[in-house]
Amino acid sequence: MPMKLITVSGPPSAGKTSVLIRIIEQLGKDKAGVAKFDCLSTSDADRFGEHQIHSVVGLSGNLCPDHFFVSNIEECVAWGLKNSFEYLVIESAGLCNRCSPHLREFLAVCVIDNLSGINTPHKIGPMLRYADLIVITKGDIVSQAEREVFAFKVKMANPKADILFLNGITGQGSFDAAEYFRKGKSLLSSNMQDCRLRFTMPAALCSYCLGETRVGENFQKGNIKKMKIG
């Protein structure tokens, strides 16, 4: 049975989980599964469970969540196919704003909130700039003028993406967002060898990656980047 694969990313506390719950309610709770990637801890499995939505959770610990995600994506897809889901949603932690969790050809969604600051869209990297759909949350808290200016800033950062406003509390806007999910590309196999990321992930392999805790140039080896000062 074909299964649509969707990646959802965005800064912390933007409302990704609330958005997904509302969209999946439109799609049908028995038709969708969520694979949530986070760092140290998450209660999202309980939230999905409260709404009878199937989910699995992966905690990356001391690893970059996106590197952890790309190392486990095939297993997540296999889990989705095994459970005969029509939709598998990969929710990324999106902690560093340089995250790159989106896959070519499959629907890519970025969730960002209206309270994050007017210049925030320009501070976010591939997870916003390479998204197909950008969902803006918490628009009910700000004025119409602020919503329009923020949406304009998002459009400047990613001119090709469609923009939707969605209220994670009331669900307003979730019907339109669900239509994008329904039009997403499907896959038939958990073999992802022909799949590619839309952009490279954050790169670092230095002494601190390998557990070094001492500070100073003598302890810095590998991929080190220095500021230009003076």
C-alpha atoms as a PDB file:
ATOM      1  CA  MET A   1       0.000   0.000   0.000  1.00  0.00           C
ATOM      2  CA  PRO A   2       1.485   3.414  -0.947  1.00  0.00           C
ATOM      3  CA  MET A   3       2.344   5.750   1.914  1.00  0.00           C
ATOM      4  CA  LYS A   4       2.874   9.503   1.721  1.00  0.00           C
ATOM      5  CA  LEU A   5       6.023  10.758   3.462  1.00  0.00           C
ATOM      6  CA  ILE A   6       6.063  14.274   4.919  1.00  0.00           C
ATOM      7  CA  THR A   7       8.836  16.045   6.814  1.00  0.00           C
ATOM      8  CA  VAL A   8       7.870  18.730   9.337  1.00  0.00           C
ATOM      9  CA  SER A   9      10.435  21.018  10.958  1.00  0.00           C
ATOM     10  CA  GLY A  10      10.614  24.327  12.759  1.00  0.00           C
ATOM     11  CA  PRO A  11      12.118  26.116  15.756  1.00  0.00           C
ATOM     12  CA  PRO A  12      11.387  24.862  19.292  1.00  0.00           C
ATOM     13  CA  SER A  13       7.960  25.736  20.729  1.00  0.00           C
ATOM     14  CA  ALA A  14       6.633  26.933  17.368  1.00  0.00           C
ATOM     15  CA  GLY A  15       3.664  24.588  17.739  1.00  0.00           C
ATOM     16  CA  LYS A  16       4.686  21.720  15.447  1.00  0.00           C
ATOM     17  CA  THR A  17       2.998  19.015  17.515  1.00  0.00           C
ATOM     18  CA  SER A  18      -0.264  20.950  17.897  1.00  0.00           C
ATOM     19  CA  VAL A  19      -0.270  21.641  14.158  1.00  0.00           C
ATOM     20  CA  LEU A  20       0.242  17.960  13.366  1.00  0.00           C
ATOM     21  CA  ILE A  21      -2.510  16.850  15.728  1.00  0.00           C
ATOM     22  CA  ARG A  22      -4.977  19.196  14.042  1.00  0.00           C
ATOM     23  CA  ILE A  23      -3.948  18.165  10.533  1.00  0.00           C
ATOM     24  CA  ILE A  24      -4.070  14.445  11.328  1.00  0.00           C
ATOM     25  CA  GLU A  25      -7.567  14.906  12.756  1.00  0.00           C
ATOM     26  CA  GLN A  26      -8.536  16.096   9.275  1.00  0.00           C
ATOM     27  CA  LEU A  27      -6.781  13.201   7.539  1.00  0.00           C
ATOM     28  CA  GLY A  28      -8.049  10.490   9.889  1.00  0.00           C
ATOM     29  CA  LYS A  29      -6.262   9.383  13.050  1.00  0.00           C
ATOM     30  CA  ASP A  30      -6.070   5.747  11.960  1.00  0.00           C
ATOM     31  CA  LYS A  31      -4.433   6.711   8.660  1.00  0.00           C
ATOM     32  CA  ALA A  32      -1.331   8.517   9.950  1.00  0.00           C
ATOM     33  CA  GLY A  33       1.743   7.809  12.036  1.00  0.00           C
ATOM     34  CA  VAL A  34       4.307  10.245  13.430  1.00  0.00           C
ATOM     35  CA  ALA A  35       8.025   9.684  13.983  1.00  0.00           C
ATOM     36  CA  LYS A  36       9.265  12.381  16.357  1.00  0.00           C
ATOM     37  CA  PHE A  37      12.987  13.172  16.664  1.00  0.00           C
ATOM     38  CA  ASP A  38      14.197  15.199  19.641  1.00  0.00           C
ATOM     39  CA  CYS A  39      17.306  15.656  21.769  1.00  0.00           C
ATOM     40  CA  LEU A  40      17.086  15.064  25.514  1.00  0.00           C
ATOM     41  CA  SER A  41      13.445  14.497  26.330  1.00  0.00           C
ATOM     42  CA  THR A  42       9.961  14.868  24.896  1.00  0.00           C
ATOM     43  CA  SER A  43       6.383  14.375  26.057  1.00  0.00           C
ATOM     44  CA  ASP A  44       4.997  14.443  22.532  1.00  0.00           C
ATOM     45  CA  ALA A  45       4.340  10.687  22.498  1.00  0.00           C
ATOM     46  CA  ASP A  46       1.893  11.216  25.356  1.00  0.00           C
ATOM     47  CA  ARG A  47       0.239  14.108  23.514  1.00  0.00           C
ATOM     48  CA  PHE A  48      -0.172  12.049  20.354  1.00  0.00           C
ATOM     49  CA  GLY A  49      -1.445   9.157  22.449  1.00  0.00           C
ATOM     50  CA  GLU A  50      -4.085  11.351  24.081  1.00  0.00           C
ATOM     51  CA  HIS A  51      -5.463  11.968  20.584  1.00  0.00           C
ATOM     52  CA  GLN A  52      -5.215   8.281  19.537  1.00  0.00           C
ATOM     53  CA  ILE A  53      -2.431   9.033  17.045  1.00  0.00           C
ATOM     54  CA  HIS A  54       0.251   6.388  16.525  1.00  0.00           C
ATOM     55  CA  SER A  55       3.798   7.620  17.111  1.00  0.00           C
ATOM     56  CA  VAL A  56       7.382   6.585  17.759  1.00  0.00           C
ATOM     57  CA  VAL A  57       9.980   8.787  19.445  1.00  0.00           C
ATOM     58  CA  GLY A  58      13.744   8.923  18.984  1.00  0.00           C
ATOM     59  CA  LEU A  59      16.067  10.876  21.291  1.00  0.00           C
ATOM     60  CA  SER A  60      19.442  11.760  19.780  1.00  0.00           C
ATOM     61  CA  GLY A  61      21.196  12.511  23.073  1.00  0.00           C
ATOM     62  CA  ASN A  62      24.562  14.080  22.304  1.00  0.00           C
ATOM     63  CA  LEU A  63      24.141  13.722  18.525  1.00  0.00           C
ATOM     64  CA  CYS A  64      22.640  16.257  16.100  1.00  0.00           C
ATOM     65  CA  PRO A  65      18.925  15.324  15.790  1.00  0.00           C
ATOM     66  CA  ASP A  66      19.045  15.594  11.996  1.00  0.00           C
ATOM     67  CA  HIS A  67      22.031  13.259  11.715  1.00  0.00           C
ATOM     68  CA  PHE A  68      20.143  10.919  14.036  1.00  0.00           C
ATOM     69  CA  PHE A  69      17.063  11.262  11.820  1.00  0.00           C
ATOM     70  CA  VAL A  70      18.828  10.455   8.549  1.00  0.00           C
ATOM     71  CA  SER A  71      20.386   7.383  10.180  1.00  0.00           C
ATOM     72  CA  ASN A  72      16.960   6.077  11.215  1.00  0.00           C
ATOM     73  CA  ILE A  73      14.649   7.209   8.404  1.00  0.00           C
ATOM     74  CA  GLU A  74      14.507   3.800   6.709  1.00  0.00           C
ATOM     75  CA  GLU A  75      13.447   2.107   9.937  1.00  0.00           C
ATOM     76  CA  CYS A  76      10.728   4.713  10.445  1.00  0.00           C
ATOM     77  CA  VAL A  77       9.439   4.191   6.906  1.00  0.00           C
ATOM     78  CA  ALA A  78       9.438   0.414   7.465  1.00  0.00           C
ATOM     79  CA  TRP A  79       7.393   0.977  10.660  1.00  0.00           C
ATOM     80  CA  GLY A  80       4.893   3.096   8.747  1.00  0.00           C
ATOM     81  CA  LEU A  81       4.516   0.569   5.938  1.00  0.00           C
ATOM     82  CA  LYS A  82       4.178  -2.293   8.437  1.00  0.00           C
ATOM     83  CA  ASN A  83       1.266  -0.473  10.073  1.00  0.00           C
ATOM     84  CA  SER A  84      -0.316   0.323   6.679  1.00  0.00           C
ATOM     85  CA  PHE A  85      -0.386   4.060   7.291  1.00  0.00           C
ATOM     86  CA  GLU A  86      -1.425   6.304   4.433  1.00  0.00           C
ATOM     87  CA  TYR A  87       0.716   9.108   5.869  1.00  0.00           C
ATOM     88  CA  LEU A  88       4.008   9.039   7.744  1.00  0.00           C
ATOM     89  CA  VAL A  89       5.056  12.366   9.238  1.00  0.00           C
ATOM     90  CA  ILE A  90       8.660  12.905  10.332  1.00  0.00           C
ATOM     91  CA  GLU A  91       8.812  15.675  12.944  1.00  0.00           C
ATOM     92  CA  SER A  92      12.285  17.130  13.407  1.00  0.00           C
ATOM     93  CA  ALA A  93      13.575  18.915  16.491  1.00  0.00           C
ATOM     94  CA  GLY A  94      14.793  21.935  14.499  1.00  0.00           C
ATOM     95  CA  LEU A  95      16.946  23.192  17.346  1.00  0.00           C
ATOM     96  CA  CYS A  96      19.825  25.019  15.669  1.00  0.00           C
ATOM     97  CA  ASN A  97      17.908  26.744  12.826  1.00  0.00           C
ATOM     98  CA  ARG A  98      20.521  25.296  10.442  1.00  0.00           C
ATOM     99  CA  CYS A  99      18.749  21.928  10.390  1.00  0.00           C
ATOM    100  CA  SER A 100      18.179  20.276   7.024  1.00  0.00           C
ATOM    101  CA  PRO A 101      15.635  17.454   7.447  1.00  0.00           C
ATOM    102  CA  HIS A 102      13.763  17.787   4.151  1.00  0.00           C
ATOM    103  CA  LEU A 103      13.900  15.147   1.438  1.00  0.00           C
ATOM    104  CA  ARG A 104      13.729  15.784  -2.291  1.00  0.00           C
ATOM    105  CA  GLU A 105      10.366  15.119  -3.963  1.00  0.00           C
ATOM    106  CA  PHE A 106       8.502  14.524  -0.683  1.00  0.00           C
ATOM    107  CA  LEU A 107       6.370  17.254   0.899  1.00  0.00           C
ATOM    108  CA  ALA A 108       8.460  19.511   3.161  1.00  0.00           C
ATOM    109  CA  VAL A 109       6.761  21.637   5.813  1.00  0.00           C
ATOM    110  CA  CYS A 110       8.214  24.283   8.130  1.00  0.00           C
ATOM    111  CA  VAL A 111       6.280  25.559  11.156  1.00  0.00           C
ATOM    112  CA  ILE A 112       7.168  28.996  12.523  1.00  0.00           C
ATOM    113  CA  ASP A 113       5.322  31.193  15.009  1.00  0.00           C
ATOM    114  CA  ASN A 114       4.341  34.837  14.756  1.00  0.00           C
ATOM    115  CA  LEU A 115       5.878  35.642  18.152  1.00  0.00           C
ATOM    116  CA  SER A 116       9.425  34.617  17.257  1.00  0.00           C
ATOM    117  CA  GLY A 117      10.522  38.037  16.000  1.00  0.00           C
ATOM    118  CA  ILE A 118      10.182  39.839  12.701  1.00  0.00           C
ATOM    119  CA  ASN A 119      13.703  38.929  11.537  1.00  0.00           C
ATOM    120  CA  THR A 120      13.465  35.263  12.523  1.00  0.00           C
ATOM    121  CA  PRO A 121      12.629  33.992   8.988  1.00  0.00           C
ATOM    122  CA  HIS A 122      15.994  35.318   7.770  1.00  0.00           C
ATOM    123  CA  LYS A 123      17.797  33.571  10.627  1.00  0.00           C
ATOM    124  CA  ILE A 124      16.456  30.130   9.726  1.00  0.00           C
ATOM    125  CA  GLY A 125      18.330  28.031   7.196  1.00  0.00           C
ATOM    126  CA  PRO A 126      17.360  25.082   4.971  1.00  0.00           C
ATOM    127  CA  MET A 127      14.401  23.885   7.020  1.00  0.00           C
ATOM    128  CA  LEU A 128      12.554  27.090   6.023  1.00  0.00           C
ATOM    129  CA  ARG A 129      14.301  28.093   2.806  1.00  0.00           C
ATOM    130  CA  TYR A 130      13.776  24.672   1.178  1.00  0.00           C
ATOM    131  CA  ALA A 131      10.242  23.985   2.437  1.00  0.00           C
ATOM    132  CA  ASP A 132       7.240  23.585   0.135  1.00  0.00           C
ATOM    133  CA  LEU A 133       4.744  24.771   2.738  1.00  0.00           C
ATOM    134  CA  ILE A 134       5.320  27.193   5.621  1.00  0.00           C
ATOM    135  CA  VAL A 135       2.753  27.127   8.402  1.00  0.00           C
ATOM    136  CA  ILE A 136       2.602  30.216  10.629  1.00  0.00           C
ATOM    137  CA  THR A 137       1.149  29.728  14.106  1.00  0.00           C
ATOM    138  CA  LYS A 138       0.019  32.022  16.961  1.00  0.00           C
ATOM    139  CA  GLY A 139      -1.299  34.593  14.497  1.00  0.00           C
ATOM    140  CA  ASP A 140      -4.340  35.107  16.737  1.00  0.00           C
ATOM    141  CA  ILE A 141      -2.129  36.777  19.353  1.00  0.00           C
ATOM    142  CA  VAL A 142      -0.831  39.565  17.087  1.00  0.00           C
ATOM    143  CA  SER A 143      -2.514  42.214  14.953  1.00  0.00           C
ATOM    144  CA  GLN A 144      -3.444  41.824  11.306  1.00  0.00           C
ATOM    145  CA  ALA A 145      -0.649  44.218  10.334  1.00  0.00           C
ATOM    146  CA  GLU A 146       1.900  42.151  12.247  1.00  0.00           C
ATOM    147  CA  ARG A 147       0.666  38.967  10.565  1.00  0.00           C
ATOM    148  CA  GLU A 148       1.030  40.519   7.123  1.00  0.00           C
ATOM    149  CA  VAL A 149       4.508  41.890   7.789  1.00  0.00           C
ATOM    150  CA  PHE A 150       5.671  38.567   9.220  1.00  0.00           C
ATOM    151  CA  ALA A 151       4.249  36.650   6.237  1.00  0.00           C
ATOM    152  CA  PHE A 152       6.057  39.079   3.922  1.00  0.00           C
ATOM    153  CA  LYS A 153       9.336  38.378   5.735  1.00  0.00           C
ATOM    154  CA  VAL A 154       8.729  34.632   5.353  1.00  0.00           C
ATOM    155  CA  LYS A 155       8.041  35.112   1.639  1.00  0.00           C
ATOM    156  CA  MET A 156      11.299  37.015   1.262  1.00  0.00           C
ATOM    157  CA  ALA A 157      13.198  34.124   2.865  1.00  0.00           C
ATOM    158  CA  ASN A 158      11.448  31.506   0.699  1.00  0.00           C
ATOM    159  CA  PRO A 159       9.638  32.980  -2.338  1.00  0.00           C
ATOM    160  CA  LYS A 160       8.624  29.567  -3.712  1.00  0.00           C
ATOM    161  CA  ALA A 161       6.799  28.203  -0.667  1.00  0.00           C
ATOM    162  CA  ASP A 162       3.087  28.451   0.014  1.00  0.00           C
ATOM    163  CA  ILE A 163       2.147  30.095   3.315  1.00  0.00           C
ATOM    164  CA  LEU A 164      -0.740  29.135   5.607  1.00  0.00           C
ATOM    165  CA  PHE A 165      -1.858  30.438   8.985  1.00  0.00           C
ATOM    166  CA  LEU A 166      -2.962  27.715  11.385  1.00  0.00           C
ATOM    167  CA  ASN A 167      -4.302  27.905  14.923  1.00  0.00           C
ATOM    168  CA  GLY A 168      -3.135  24.871  16.878  1.00  0.00           C
ATOM    169  CA  ILE A 169      -5.742  25.441  19.603  1.00  0.00           C
ATOM    170  CA  THR A 170      -8.891  25.846  17.499  1.00  0.00           C
ATOM    171  CA  GLY A 171      -7.674  24.000  14.409  1.00  0.00           C
ATOM    172  CA  GLN A 172      -8.525  26.899  12.100  1.00  0.00           C
ATOM    173  CA  GLY A 173      -6.531  26.445   8.894  1.00  0.00           C
ATOM    174  CA  SER A 174      -5.953  22.711   9.372  1.00  0.00           C
ATOM    175  CA  PHE A 175      -8.328  21.744   6.543  1.00  0.00           C
ATOM    176  CA  ASP A 176      -6.257  23.633   3.977  1.00  0.00           C
ATOM    177  CA  ALA A 177      -3.000  22.209   5.392  1.00  0.00           C
ATOM    178  CA  ALA A 178      -4.408  18.678   5.194  1.00  0.00           C
ATOM    179  CA  GLU A 179      -5.016  19.178   1.477  1.00  0.00           C
ATOM    180  CA  TYR A 180      -1.259  19.637   0.981  1.00  0.00           C
ATOM    181  CA  PHE A 181      -0.625  16.374   2.834  1.00  0.00           C
ATOM    182  CA  ARG A 182      -3.113  14.569   0.601  1.00  0.00           C
ATOM    183  CA  LYS A 183      -1.274  15.766  -2.515  1.00  0.00           C
ATOM    184  CA  GLY A 184       2.154  14.655  -1.262  1.00  0.00           C
ATOM    185  CA  LYS A 185       4.259  12.017  -2.983  1.00  0.00           C
ATOM    186  CA  SER A 186       3.926   8.372  -1.955  1.00  0.00           C
ATOM    187  CA  LEU A 187       6.477   5.591  -1.598  1.00  0.00           C
ATOM    188  CA  LEU A 188       6.100   1.832  -1.697  1.00  0.00           C
ATOM    189  CA  SER A 189       9.295   0.610  -0.066  1.00  0.00           C
ATOM    190  CA  SER A 190      11.482   1.401   2.924  1.00  0.00           C
ATOM    191  CA  ASN A 191      14.508   1.388   0.616  1.00  0.00           C
ATOM    192  CA  MET A 192      15.632   5.030   0.655  1.00  0.00           C
ATOM    193  CA  GLN A 193      18.930   4.634  -1.217  1.00  0.00           C
ATOM    194  CA  ASP A 194      17.719   6.702  -4.170  1.00  0.00           C
ATOM    195  CA  CYS A 195      16.424   9.483  -1.902  1.00  0.00           C
ATOM    196  CA  ARG A 196      18.446  12.652  -1.299  1.00  0.00           C
ATOM    197  CA  LEU A 197      18.361  15.468   1.227  1.00  0.00           C
ATOM    198  CA  ARG A 198      17.420  18.861  -0.174  1.00  0.00           C
ATOM    199  CA  PHE A 199      20.466  20.452   1.438  1.00  0.00           C
ATOM    200  CA  THR A 200      23.539  19.339   3.343  1.00  0.00           C
ATOM    201  CA  MET A 201      23.281  18.999   7.111  1.00  0.00           C
ATOM    202  CA  PRO A 202      25.340  20.968   9.654  1.00  0.00           C
ATOM    203  CA  ALA A 203      28.944  19.778   9.497  1.00  0.00           C
ATOM    204  CA  ALA A 204      31.346  19.358  12.399  1.00  0.00           C
ATOM    205  CA  LEU A 205      33.938  16.800  13.332  1.00  0.00           C
ATOM    206  CA  CYS A 206      36.217  18.269  15.960  1.00  0.00           C
ATOM    207  CA  SER A 207      37.724  17.379  19.304  1.00  0.00           C
ATOM    208  CA  TYR A 208      34.599  18.618  21.091  1.00  0.00           C
ATOM    209  CA  CYS A 209      32.414  16.308  18.999  1.00  0.00           C
ATOM    210  CA  LEU A 210      34.508  13.445  20.345  1.00  0.00           C
ATOM    211  CA  GLY A 211      34.046  14.404  23.990  1.00  0.00           C
ATOM    212  CA  GLU A 212      36.700  17.043  24.694  1.00  0.00           C
ATOM    213  CA  THR A 213      35.696  19.460  27.469  1.00  0.00           C
ATOM    214  CA  ARG A 214      38.867  21.499  27.946  1.00  0.00           C
ATOM    215  CA  VAL A 215      38.868  25.042  26.560  1.00  0.00           C
ATOM    216  CA  GLY A 216      41.772  26.457  24.582  1.00  0.00           C
ATOM    217  CA  GLU A 217      43.394  26.349  21.163  1.00  0.00           C
ATOM    218  CA  ASN A 218      45.698  23.510  22.205  1.00  0.00           C
ATOM    219  CA  PHE A 219      42.672  21.237  22.577  1.00  0.00           C
ATOM    220  CA  GLN A 220      40.955  22.204  19.325  1.00  0.00           C
ATOM    221  CA  LYS A 221      41.409  19.784  16.431  1.00  0.00           C
ATOM    222  CA  GLY A 222      39.505  18.880  13.299  1.00  0.00           C
ATOM    223  CA  ASN A 223      36.838  21.040  11.663  1.00  0.00           C
ATOM    224  CA  ILE A 224      37.389  24.343  13.509  1.00  0.00           C
ATOM    225  CA  LYS A 225      36.057  27.714  12.374  1.00  0.00           C
ATOM    226  CA  LYS A 226      37.461  30.952  13.832  1.00  0.00           C
ATOM    227  CA  MET A 227      35.934  34.428  13.936  1.00  0.00           C
ATOM    228  CA  LYS A 228      37.678  37.349  12.275  1.00  0.00           C
ATOM    229  CA  ILE A 229      38.241  39.926  14.992  1.00  0.00           C
ATOM    230  CA  GLY A 230      40.106  43.195  14.448  1.00  0.00           C
END
